[in-house]
Amino acid sequence: MKVSELMEFDASMYLKDEETIRHYLAQAFEAGDPVEIQAALGDVAKAHGMSALARDSGIKREALYRALSDRGNAEFATIMKVVAAMGLHLTLAAPVPKAKAAPKTTTAAKKTQAAAKRARVQSGTVRARAGTAHA
């Protein structure tokens, strides 16, 4: 199969329920790229039906297509009208700090953990726990 024969991906085909739509938009807004946000809103608009969204937002359908296209440059007021017509609203929150990677265990720490495990095995602690797990 040639690449030219492949169907172009259309996210709007997979935006079937409100929860999926909210998650999709949240990811776009979290990324913070205005072009990505605009494209995501365009995908959701297509999923909702552009004509219905145009009617609900008070923006002409052709203007919506232009504003929410990958080459569009929607005004913030347009974005707010589209979001409201989708039955959503924007809220602001402090960014969630990204989890730090767990520090790598040093060789000394690994040796200490191994020694502690051997001590538990020798004292019978590990065998007792294993025995109670099967009881």
C-alpha atoms as a PDB file:
ATOM      1  CA  MET A   1       0.000   0.000   0.000  1.00  0.00           C
ATOM      2  CA  LYS A   2       1.276   3.438  -0.880  1.00  0.00           C
ATOM      3  CA  VAL A   3       1.280   6.331   1.558  1.00  0.00           C
ATOM      4  CA  SER A   4      -0.857   8.302  -0.884  1.00  0.00           C
ATOM      5  CA  GLU A   5      -3.546   5.616  -0.579  1.00  0.00           C
ATOM      6  CA  LEU A   6      -3.834   5.947   3.199  1.00  0.00           C
ATOM      7  CA  MET A   7      -6.752   7.821   4.665  1.00  0.00           C
ATOM      8  CA  GLU A   8      -5.880  11.060   6.429  1.00  0.00           C
ATOM      9  CA  PHE A   9      -6.442  10.861  10.182  1.00  0.00           C
ATOM     10  CA  ASP A  10      -9.515  12.774  11.321  1.00  0.00           C
ATOM     11  CA  ALA A  11      -9.743  13.119  15.101  1.00  0.00           C
ATOM     12  CA  SER A  12     -13.366  14.293  14.864  1.00  0.00           C
ATOM     13  CA  MET A  13     -14.401  10.740  13.943  1.00  0.00           C
ATOM     14  CA  TYR A  14     -13.325   9.554  17.420  1.00  0.00           C
ATOM     15  CA  LEU A  15     -14.849  12.340  19.510  1.00  0.00           C
ATOM     16  CA  LYS A  16     -18.124  10.604  20.246  1.00  0.00           C
ATOM     17  CA  ASP A  17     -18.906  11.510  23.866  1.00  0.00           C
ATOM     18  CA  GLU A  18     -18.567  14.559  26.089  1.00  0.00           C
ATOM     19  CA  GLU A  19     -15.930  13.024  28.364  1.00  0.00           C
ATOM     20  CA  THR A  20     -13.653  12.190  25.433  1.00  0.00           C
ATOM     21  CA  ILE A  21     -14.124  15.690  24.046  1.00  0.00           C
ATOM     22  CA  ARG A  22     -13.256  17.298  27.396  1.00  0.00           C
ATOM     23  CA  HIS A  23     -10.102  15.196  27.725  1.00  0.00           C
ATOM     24  CA  TYR A  24      -9.094  15.952  24.148  1.00  0.00           C
ATOM     25  CA  LEU A  25      -9.496  19.693  24.641  1.00  0.00           C
ATOM     26  CA  ALA A  26      -7.805  19.599  28.055  1.00  0.00           C
ATOM     27  CA  GLN A  27      -4.740  17.957  26.493  1.00  0.00           C
ATOM     28  CA  ALA A  28      -4.601  20.603  23.783  1.00  0.00           C
ATOM     29  CA  PHE A  29      -4.891  23.448  26.276  1.00  0.00           C
ATOM     30  CA  GLU A  30      -2.364  21.838  28.596  1.00  0.00           C
ATOM     31  CA  ALA A  31       0.180  21.691  25.781  1.00  0.00           C
ATOM     32  CA  GLY A  32      -0.297  25.446  25.412  1.00  0.00           C
ATOM     33  CA  ASP A  33       0.285  25.648  21.656  1.00  0.00           C
ATOM     34  CA  PRO A  34      -2.300  28.049  20.150  1.00  0.00           C
ATOM     35  CA  VAL A  35      -2.258  26.221  16.814  1.00  0.00           C
ATOM     36  CA  GLU A  36      -2.900  22.900  18.559  1.00  0.00           C
ATOM     37  CA  ILE A  37      -5.729  24.418  20.617  1.00  0.00           C
ATOM     38  CA  GLN A  38      -7.318  25.882  17.497  1.00  0.00           C
ATOM     39  CA  ALA A  39      -7.015  22.569  15.649  1.00  0.00           C
ATOM     40  CA  ALA A  40      -8.528  20.672  18.589  1.00  0.00           C
ATOM     41  CA  LEU A  41     -11.448  23.099  18.725  1.00  0.00           C
ATOM     42  CA  GLY A  42     -11.893  22.589  14.975  1.00  0.00           C
ATOM     43  CA  ASP A  43     -11.959  18.802  15.443  1.00  0.00           C
ATOM     44  CA  VAL A  44     -14.554  19.098  18.195  1.00  0.00           C
ATOM     45  CA  ALA A  45     -16.581  21.536  16.085  1.00  0.00           C
ATOM     46  CA  LYS A  46     -16.645  18.988  13.251  1.00  0.00           C
ATOM     47  CA  ALA A  47     -17.670  16.264  15.704  1.00  0.00           C
ATOM     48  CA  HIS A  48     -20.515  18.421  17.064  1.00  0.00           C
ATOM     49  CA  GLY A  49     -21.570  19.539  13.604  1.00  0.00           C
ATOM     50  CA  MET A  50     -20.303  22.816  12.241  1.00  0.00           C
ATOM     51  CA  SER A  51     -23.761  24.091  11.251  1.00  0.00           C
ATOM     52  CA  ALA A  52     -25.210  23.527  14.719  1.00  0.00           C
ATOM     53  CA  LEU A  53     -22.176  25.117  16.337  1.00  0.00           C
ATOM     54  CA  ALA A  54     -22.437  28.113  14.020  1.00  0.00           C
ATOM     55  CA  ARG A  55     -26.083  28.562  14.986  1.00  0.00           C
ATOM     56  CA  ASP A  56     -25.366  28.156  18.729  1.00  0.00           C
ATOM     57  CA  SER A  57     -22.343  30.478  18.708  1.00  0.00           C
ATOM     58  CA  GLY A  58     -23.819  33.155  16.450  1.00  0.00           C
ATOM     59  CA  ILE A  59     -20.839  32.904  14.079  1.00  0.00           C
ATOM     60  CA  LYS A  60     -21.321  32.164  10.396  1.00  0.00           C
ATOM     61  CA  ARG A  61     -20.408  28.622   9.399  1.00  0.00           C
ATOM     62  CA  GLU A  62     -17.882  29.760   6.792  1.00  0.00           C
ATOM     63  CA  ALA A  63     -16.198  32.028   9.361  1.00  0.00           C
ATOM     64  CA  LEU A  64     -15.975  29.103  11.787  1.00  0.00           C
ATOM     65  CA  TYR A  65     -14.331  26.892   9.175  1.00  0.00           C
ATOM     66  CA  ARG A  66     -11.783  29.642   8.483  1.00  0.00           C
ATOM     67  CA  ALA A  67     -11.147  30.499  12.122  1.00  0.00           C
ATOM     68  CA  LEU A  68     -10.717  26.892  13.246  1.00  0.00           C
ATOM     69  CA  SER A  69      -8.672  25.690  10.290  1.00  0.00           C
ATOM     70  CA  ASP A  70      -4.954  24.970  10.578  1.00  0.00           C
ATOM     71  CA  ARG A  71      -4.266  28.271   8.778  1.00  0.00           C
ATOM     72  CA  GLY A  72      -6.875  30.252  10.706  1.00  0.00           C
ATOM     73  CA  ASN A  73      -6.158  32.887  13.275  1.00  0.00           C
ATOM     74  CA  ALA A  74      -9.217  32.948  15.500  1.00  0.00           C
ATOM     75  CA  GLU A  75      -9.750  35.879  17.811  1.00  0.00           C
ATOM     76  CA  PHE A  76     -10.084  35.107  21.500  1.00  0.00           C
ATOM     77  CA  ALA A  77     -13.713  36.257  21.415  1.00  0.00           C
ATOM     78  CA  THR A  78     -14.396  33.651  18.712  1.00  0.00           C
ATOM     79  CA  ILE A  79     -12.736  30.947  20.802  1.00  0.00           C
ATOM     80  CA  MET A  80     -14.850  31.914  23.820  1.00  0.00           C
ATOM     81  CA  LYS A  81     -18.069  31.824  21.749  1.00  0.00           C
ATOM     82  CA  VAL A  82     -17.154  28.408  20.342  1.00  0.00           C
ATOM     83  CA  VAL A  83     -16.305  27.005  23.779  1.00  0.00           C
ATOM     84  CA  ALA A  84     -19.588  28.355  25.215  1.00  0.00           C
ATOM     85  CA  ALA A  85     -21.584  26.937  22.288  1.00  0.00           C
ATOM     86  CA  MET A  86     -20.030  23.541  23.062  1.00  0.00           C
ATOM     87  CA  GLY A  87     -21.482  23.807  26.561  1.00  0.00           C
ATOM     88  CA  LEU A  88     -18.067  24.290  28.153  1.00  0.00           C
ATOM     89  CA  HIS A  89     -16.216  27.092  29.909  1.00  0.00           C
ATOM     90  CA  LEU A  90     -12.576  27.830  30.534  1.00  0.00           C
ATOM     91  CA  THR A  91     -11.071  27.891  33.994  1.00  0.00           C
ATOM     92  CA  LEU A  92      -7.548  28.632  35.093  1.00  0.00           C
ATOM     93  CA  ALA A  93      -5.486  26.519  37.452  1.00  0.00           C
ATOM     94  CA  ALA A  94      -1.899  26.500  38.575  1.00  0.00           C
ATOM     95  CA  PRO A  95       0.175  24.051  36.562  1.00  0.00           C
ATOM     96  CA  VAL A  96       0.634  20.641  38.113  1.00  0.00           C
ATOM     97  CA  PRO A  97       4.328  20.046  38.779  1.00  0.00           C
ATOM     98  CA  LYS A  98       5.716  17.155  36.816  1.00  0.00           C
ATOM     99  CA  ALA A  99       6.797  14.179  38.882  1.00  0.00           C
ATOM    100  CA  LYS A 100      10.514  13.940  39.343  1.00  0.00           C
ATOM    101  CA  ALA A 101      12.195  10.765  38.228  1.00  0.00           C
ATOM    102  CA  ALA A 102      12.999   8.444  41.087  1.00  0.00           C
ATOM    103  CA  PRO A 103      16.640   8.714  42.027  1.00  0.00           C
ATOM    104  CA  LYS A 104      18.734   5.825  40.835  1.00  0.00           C
ATOM    105  CA  THR A 105      19.667   3.377  43.512  1.00  0.00           C
ATOM    106  CA  THR A 106      23.378   3.462  44.162  1.00  0.00           C
ATOM    107  CA  THR A 107      25.461   0.330  44.393  1.00  0.00           C
ATOM    108  CA  ALA A 108      25.899   0.865  48.137  1.00  0.00           C
ATOM    109  CA  ALA A 109      22.123   1.177  48.581  1.00  0.00           C
ATOM    110  CA  LYS A 110      21.547  -2.007  46.567  1.00  0.00           C
ATOM    111  CA  LYS A 111      24.049  -3.864  48.755  1.00  0.00           C
ATOM    112  CA  THR A 112      22.302  -2.581  51.880  1.00  0.00           C
ATOM    113  CA  GLN A 113      18.897  -3.685  50.541  1.00  0.00           C
ATOM    114  CA  ALA A 114      20.287  -7.121  49.662  1.00  0.00           C
ATOM    115  CA  ALA A 115      21.862  -7.497  53.095  1.00  0.00           C
ATOM    116  CA  ALA A 116      18.594  -6.519  54.785  1.00  0.00           C
ATOM    117  CA  LYS A 117      16.707  -9.072  52.702  1.00  0.00           C
ATOM    118  CA  ARG A 118      19.233 -11.798  53.601  1.00  0.00           C
ATOM    119  CA  ALA A 119      18.847 -10.914  57.278  1.00  0.00           C
ATOM    120  CA  ARG A 120      15.056 -11.198  57.027  1.00  0.00           C
ATOM    121  CA  VAL A 121      15.312 -14.531  55.234  1.00  0.00           C
ATOM    122  CA  GLN A 122      17.715 -15.881  57.864  1.00  0.00           C
ATOM    123  CA  SER A 123      15.495 -14.706  60.716  1.00  0.00           C
ATOM    124  CA  GLY A 124      12.449 -16.328  59.178  1.00  0.00           C
ATOM    125  CA  THR A 125      10.560 -13.062  58.627  1.00  0.00           C
ATOM    126  CA  VAL A 126      10.194 -13.634  54.901  1.00  0.00           C
ATOM    127  CA  ARG A 127       9.122 -17.266  55.321  1.00  0.00           C
ATOM    128  CA  ALA A 128       6.551 -16.277  57.950  1.00  0.00           C
ATOM    129  CA  ARG A 129       5.064 -13.646  55.652  1.00  0.00           C
ATOM    130  CA  ALA A 130       4.950 -16.107  52.782  1.00  0.00           C
ATOM    131  CA  GLY A 131       3.259 -18.671  55.021  1.00  0.00           C
ATOM    132  CA  THR A 132       0.567 -16.252  56.182  1.00  0.00           C
ATOM    133  CA  ALA A 133      -0.134 -15.110  52.637  1.00  0.00           C
ATOM    134  CA  HIS A 134      -1.236 -18.610  51.698  1.00  0.00           C
ATOM    135  CA  ALA A 135      -3.323 -19.185  54.825  1.00  0.00           C
END
